[in-house]
Amino acid sequence: MFSLKRPVSACFAAILLLLTSLLLPAQSKPVDLNRKAYYTAFASNDIDAIQKQLDVIVQSSSGQKDAFEGALMMKKAGLLKGASHKLKAFKAGREKLENMITKYTGNAEFRFLRLMIQEKAPKMLGYDQHLEEDHQYIVAHFRSVPGNVQEAILNYSKSSRILSPEDF
């Protein structure tokens, strides 16, 4: 004899599984960092553009994304309201960036990120002890960074008090 209980329960289980998978958020594929968009957001004071780049970085497949995330977190900290929120975001970002600089001591781009933050950070934070060291390192290793990073460095040097276009 045929029993309808088994095929009906199997169909029900299959439908339930299908509906559950439709309700779960799709896994987004990791993306690579678009440096032009990153440095454009970094140069702005647009907290939404900065947050958008932070969201992109979180999805990034780069093993070095903590440096980029940390620098943007510190940039964003200056745009937040409330001293405690600013300080908490700045410290978290600093930890990420500094850890990556320690891990990748020869990375000139990470030094550039740090230099930009140090130059703009309020003096009371005491985050300016590597300015000259980073300046010298960036100048000496300018040709070792990708072209779009060289472009970002040159653009930044036009308004920097530490770097100047003549350095390159």
C-alpha atoms as a PDB file:
ATOM      1  CA  MET A   1       0.000   0.000   0.000  1.00  0.00           C
ATOM      2  CA  PHE A   2       1.036   3.538  -0.686  1.00  0.00           C
ATOM      3  CA  SER A   3       1.331   5.966   2.133  1.00  0.00           C
ATOM      4  CA  LEU A   4       0.866   9.658   1.362  1.00  0.00           C
ATOM      5  CA  LYS A   5       2.378  10.732   4.661  1.00  0.00           C
ATOM      6  CA  ARG A   6       5.960  10.258   3.520  1.00  0.00           C
ATOM      7  CA  PRO A   7       5.784  12.167   0.191  1.00  0.00           C
ATOM      8  CA  VAL A   8       3.723  14.965   1.769  1.00  0.00           C
ATOM      9  CA  SER A   9       6.159  15.373   4.673  1.00  0.00           C
ATOM     10  CA  ALA A  10       9.138  15.314   2.273  1.00  0.00           C
ATOM     11  CA  CYS A  11       7.502  18.015   0.127  1.00  0.00           C
ATOM     12  CA  PHE A  12       6.686  20.050   3.199  1.00  0.00           C
ATOM     13  CA  ALA A  13      10.303  19.801   4.398  1.00  0.00           C
ATOM     14  CA  ALA A  14      11.612  20.838   0.970  1.00  0.00           C
ATOM     15  CA  ILE A  15       9.266  23.843   0.823  1.00  0.00           C
ATOM     16  CA  LEU A  16      10.206  24.845   4.367  1.00  0.00           C
ATOM     17  CA  LEU A  17      13.906  24.617   3.498  1.00  0.00           C
ATOM     18  CA  LEU A  18      13.392  26.718   0.357  1.00  0.00           C
ATOM     19  CA  LEU A  19      11.431  29.410   2.218  1.00  0.00           C
ATOM     20  CA  THR A  20      14.031  29.544   4.983  1.00  0.00           C
ATOM     21  CA  SER A  21      16.846  30.037   2.478  1.00  0.00           C
ATOM     22  CA  LEU A  22      14.912  32.872   0.836  1.00  0.00           C
ATOM     23  CA  LEU A  23      14.510  34.657   4.162  1.00  0.00           C
ATOM     24  CA  LEU A  24      18.193  34.473   5.103  1.00  0.00           C
ATOM     25  CA  PRO A  25      20.356  37.341   3.866  1.00  0.00           C
ATOM     26  CA  ALA A  26      22.472  36.452   0.904  1.00  0.00           C
ATOM     27  CA  GLN A  27      26.190  36.148   1.478  1.00  0.00           C
ATOM     28  CA  SER A  28      27.796  38.953  -0.441  1.00  0.00           C
ATOM     29  CA  LYS A  29      30.984  38.141  -2.233  1.00  0.00           C
ATOM     30  CA  PRO A  30      34.111  39.834  -0.883  1.00  0.00           C
ATOM     31  CA  VAL A  31      35.139  42.938  -2.774  1.00  0.00           C
ATOM     32  CA  ASP A  32      38.506  44.518  -3.334  1.00  0.00           C
ATOM     33  CA  LEU A  33      39.282  48.000  -2.156  1.00  0.00           C
ATOM     34  CA  ASN A  34      38.816  50.758  -4.729  1.00  0.00           C
ATOM     35  CA  ARG A  35      41.563  53.141  -3.649  1.00  0.00           C
ATOM     36  CA  LYS A  36      40.290  56.052  -5.740  1.00  0.00           C
ATOM     37  CA  ALA A  37      36.901  55.889  -3.994  1.00  0.00           C
ATOM     38  CA  TYR A  38      38.618  55.328  -0.645  1.00  0.00           C
ATOM     39  CA  TYR A  39      40.866  58.389  -0.898  1.00  0.00           C
ATOM     40  CA  THR A  40      38.011  60.513  -2.245  1.00  0.00           C
ATOM     41  CA  ALA A  41      35.912  59.629   0.812  1.00  0.00           C
ATOM     42  CA  PHE A  42      38.915  60.116   3.093  1.00  0.00           C
ATOM     43  CA  ALA A  43      39.534  63.614   1.718  1.00  0.00           C
ATOM     44  CA  SER A  44      35.918  64.597   2.289  1.00  0.00           C
ATOM     45  CA  ASN A  45      34.199  65.580   5.499  1.00  0.00           C
ATOM     46  CA  ASP A  46      31.112  63.651   4.422  1.00  0.00           C
ATOM     47  CA  ILE A  47      30.336  61.183   7.184  1.00  0.00           C
ATOM     48  CA  ASP A  48      27.977  59.232   4.885  1.00  0.00           C
ATOM     49  CA  ALA A  49      30.679  58.775   2.222  1.00  0.00           C
ATOM     50  CA  ILE A  50      33.131  57.690   4.913  1.00  0.00           C
ATOM     51  CA  GLN A  51      30.633  55.214   6.359  1.00  0.00           C
ATOM     52  CA  LYS A  52      29.944  53.837   2.873  1.00  0.00           C
ATOM     53  CA  GLN A  53      33.674  53.188   2.425  1.00  0.00           C
ATOM     54  CA  LEU A  54      33.848  51.574   5.862  1.00  0.00           C
ATOM     55  CA  ASP A  55      31.021  49.246   4.804  1.00  0.00           C
ATOM     56  CA  VAL A  56      32.932  48.372   1.620  1.00  0.00           C
ATOM     57  CA  ILE A  57      36.107  47.675   3.578  1.00  0.00           C
ATOM     58  CA  VAL A  58      34.301  45.312   5.936  1.00  0.00           C
ATOM     59  CA  GLN A  59      33.298  43.271   2.857  1.00  0.00           C
ATOM     60  CA  SER A  60      36.814  43.457   1.403  1.00  0.00           C
ATOM     61  CA  SER A  61      38.839  40.326   0.861  1.00  0.00           C
ATOM     62  CA  SER A  62      42.100  42.153   1.610  1.00  0.00           C
ATOM     63  CA  GLY A  63      44.196  40.777   4.413  1.00  0.00           C
ATOM     64  CA  GLN A  64      45.376  44.325   5.060  1.00  0.00           C
ATOM     65  CA  LYS A  65      41.964  45.944   5.352  1.00  0.00           C
ATOM     66  CA  ASP A  66      42.417  46.806   9.036  1.00  0.00           C
ATOM     67  CA  ALA A  67      44.826  49.619   8.122  1.00  0.00           C
ATOM     68  CA  PHE A  68      42.286  51.217   5.787  1.00  0.00           C
ATOM     69  CA  GLU A  69      39.420  50.659   8.203  1.00  0.00           C
ATOM     70  CA  GLY A  70      41.430  52.046  11.119  1.00  0.00           C
ATOM     71  CA  ALA A  71      42.397  55.217   9.273  1.00  0.00           C
ATOM     72  CA  LEU A  72      38.804  55.849   8.187  1.00  0.00           C
ATOM     73  CA  MET A  73      37.551  55.202  11.710  1.00  0.00           C
ATOM     74  CA  MET A  74      39.921  57.882  13.001  1.00  0.00           C
ATOM     75  CA  LYS A  75      38.856  60.290  10.236  1.00  0.00           C
ATOM     76  CA  LYS A  76      35.200  59.601  11.040  1.00  0.00           C
ATOM     77  CA  ALA A  77      35.882  60.164  14.760  1.00  0.00           C
ATOM     78  CA  GLY A  78      36.525  63.829  14.048  1.00  0.00           C
ATOM     79  CA  LEU A  79      33.065  64.136  12.505  1.00  0.00           C
ATOM     80  CA  LEU A  80      31.118  62.426  15.292  1.00  0.00           C
ATOM     81  CA  LYS A  81      29.216  64.257  17.991  1.00  0.00           C
ATOM     82  CA  GLY A  82      30.141  63.803  21.612  1.00  0.00           C
ATOM     83  CA  ALA A  83      33.652  63.625  23.006  1.00  0.00           C
ATOM     84  CA  SER A  84      33.304  60.075  24.299  1.00  0.00           C
ATOM     85  CA  HIS A  85      32.118  58.773  20.900  1.00  0.00           C
ATOM     86  CA  LYS A  86      34.969  60.594  19.166  1.00  0.00           C
ATOM     87  CA  LEU A  87      37.611  59.246  21.529  1.00  0.00           C
ATOM     88  CA  LYS A  88      36.300  55.674  21.441  1.00  0.00           C
ATOM     89  CA  ALA A  89      36.224  55.622  17.604  1.00  0.00           C
ATOM     90  CA  PHE A  90      39.645  57.243  17.364  1.00  0.00           C
ATOM     91  CA  LYS A  91      41.271  54.768  19.765  1.00  0.00           C
ATOM     92  CA  ALA A  92      39.717  51.760  18.018  1.00  0.00           C
ATOM     93  CA  GLY A  93      40.898  53.030  14.645  1.00  0.00           C
ATOM     94  CA  ARG A  94      44.372  53.841  15.949  1.00  0.00           C
ATOM     95  CA  GLU A  95      44.754  50.322  17.312  1.00  0.00           C
ATOM     96  CA  LYS A  96      43.841  48.794  13.934  1.00  0.00           C
ATOM     97  CA  LEU A  97      46.160  51.057  11.956  1.00  0.00           C
ATOM     98  CA  GLU A  98      49.096  50.781  14.344  1.00  0.00           C
ATOM     99  CA  ASN A  99      48.799  46.981  14.453  1.00  0.00           C
ATOM    100  CA  MET A 100      48.993  46.850  10.663  1.00  0.00           C
ATOM    101  CA  ILE A 101      51.987  49.223  10.559  1.00  0.00           C
ATOM    102  CA  THR A 102      53.744  47.012  13.105  1.00  0.00           C
ATOM    103  CA  LYS A 103      52.914  43.921  11.059  1.00  0.00           C
ATOM    104  CA  TYR A 104      53.845  45.488   7.688  1.00  0.00           C
ATOM    105  CA  THR A 105      56.665  47.867   8.624  1.00  0.00           C
ATOM    106  CA  GLY A 106      57.682  48.358   5.002  1.00  0.00           C
ATOM    107  CA  ASN A 107      54.271  49.482   3.754  1.00  0.00           C
ATOM    108  CA  ALA A 108      54.553  53.119   2.628  1.00  0.00           C
ATOM    109  CA  GLU A 109      50.805  53.434   2.054  1.00  0.00           C
ATOM    110  CA  PHE A 110      50.048  52.614   5.680  1.00  0.00           C
ATOM    111  CA  ARG A 111      52.576  55.258   6.727  1.00  0.00           C
ATOM    112  CA  PHE A 112      50.787  57.714   4.442  1.00  0.00           C
ATOM    113  CA  LEU A 113      47.468  56.911   6.115  1.00  0.00           C
ATOM    114  CA  ARG A 114      49.044  57.486   9.503  1.00  0.00           C
ATOM    115  CA  LEU A 115      50.695  60.729   8.388  1.00  0.00           C
ATOM    116  CA  MET A 116      47.350  62.136   7.190  1.00  0.00           C
ATOM    117  CA  ILE A 117      45.713  61.307  10.518  1.00  0.00           C
ATOM    118  CA  GLN A 118      48.624  62.585  12.608  1.00  0.00           C
ATOM    119  CA  GLU A 119      48.724  65.872  10.755  1.00  0.00           C
ATOM    120  CA  LYS A 120      45.028  66.582  11.388  1.00  0.00           C
ATOM    121  CA  ALA A 121      44.593  64.992  14.824  1.00  0.00           C
ATOM    122  CA  PRO A 122      44.114  67.363  17.756  1.00  0.00           C
ATOM    123  CA  LYS A 123      47.368  67.836  19.695  1.00  0.00           C
ATOM    124  CA  MET A 124      45.694  66.718  22.932  1.00  0.00           C
ATOM    125  CA  LEU A 125      45.486  63.173  21.529  1.00  0.00           C
ATOM    126  CA  GLY A 126      49.266  62.966  21.348  1.00  0.00           C
ATOM    127  CA  TYR A 127      49.114  61.209  18.005  1.00  0.00           C
ATOM    128  CA  ASP A 128      51.895  63.003  16.172  1.00  0.00           C
ATOM    129  CA  GLN A 129      55.095  61.293  17.229  1.00  0.00           C
ATOM    130  CA  HIS A 130      55.805  59.679  13.814  1.00  0.00           C
ATOM    131  CA  LEU A 131      55.208  62.659  11.526  1.00  0.00           C
ATOM    132  CA  GLU A 132      58.782  63.255  10.405  1.00  0.00           C
ATOM    133  CA  GLU A 133      59.617  59.547  10.280  1.00  0.00           C
ATOM    134  CA  ASP A 134      56.562  58.882   8.089  1.00  0.00           C
ATOM    135  CA  HIS A 135      57.333  61.915   5.918  1.00  0.00           C
ATOM    136  CA  GLN A 136      60.837  60.616   5.184  1.00  0.00           C
ATOM    137  CA  TYR A 137      59.596  57.078   4.570  1.00  0.00           C
ATOM    138  CA  ILE A 138      56.882  58.182   2.143  1.00  0.00           C
ATOM    139  CA  VAL A 139      59.306  60.354   0.181  1.00  0.00           C
ATOM    140  CA  ALA A 140      61.888  57.556  -0.001  1.00  0.00           C
ATOM    141  CA  HIS A 141      59.353  54.888  -1.034  1.00  0.00           C
ATOM    142  CA  PHE A 142      56.965  56.954  -3.149  1.00  0.00           C
ATOM    143  CA  ARG A 143      57.685  54.953  -6.321  1.00  0.00           C
ATOM    144  CA  SER A 144      56.906  51.658  -4.573  1.00  0.00           C
ATOM    145  CA  VAL A 145      53.191  52.426  -4.075  1.00  0.00           C
ATOM    146  CA  PRO A 146      50.543  51.896  -6.775  1.00  0.00           C
ATOM    147  CA  GLY A 147      49.822  54.765  -9.180  1.00  0.00           C
ATOM    148  CA  ASN A 148      46.471  55.650  -7.633  1.00  0.00           C
ATOM    149  CA  VAL A 149      48.150  55.909  -4.215  1.00  0.00           C
ATOM    150  CA  GLN A 150      50.873  58.105  -5.715  1.00  0.00           C
ATOM    151  CA  GLU A 151      48.089  60.318  -7.060  1.00  0.00           C
ATOM    152  CA  ALA A 152      46.481  60.487  -3.593  1.00  0.00           C
ATOM    153  CA  ILE A 153      49.840  61.396  -2.031  1.00  0.00           C
ATOM    154  CA  LEU A 154      50.446  64.129  -4.599  1.00  0.00           C
ATOM    155  CA  ASN A 155      46.930  65.535  -4.100  1.00  0.00           C
ATOM    156  CA  TYR A 156      47.348  65.495  -0.337  1.00  0.00           C
ATOM    157  CA  SER A 157      50.788  67.120  -0.538  1.00  0.00           C
ATOM    158  CA  LYS A 158      49.212  70.239  -2.089  1.00  0.00           C
ATOM    159  CA  SER A 159      47.484  71.079   1.203  1.00  0.00           C
ATOM    160  CA  SER A 160      49.805  69.367   3.687  1.00  0.00           C
ATOM    161  CA  ARG A 161      52.181  71.218   5.960  1.00  0.00           C
ATOM    162  CA  ILE A 162      54.414  68.113   6.184  1.00  0.00           C
ATOM    163  CA  LEU A 163      54.508  66.836   2.594  1.00  0.00           C
ATOM    164  CA  SER A 164      54.986  69.099  -0.386  1.00  0.00           C
ATOM    165  CA  PRO A 165      54.735  68.394  -4.131  1.00  0.00           C
ATOM    166  CA  GLU A 166      58.449  69.242  -4.403  1.00  0.00           C
ATOM    167  CA  ASP A 167      59.201  66.152  -2.265  1.00  0.00           C
ATOM    168  CA  PHE A 168      58.283  64.003  -5.245  1.00  0.00           C
END
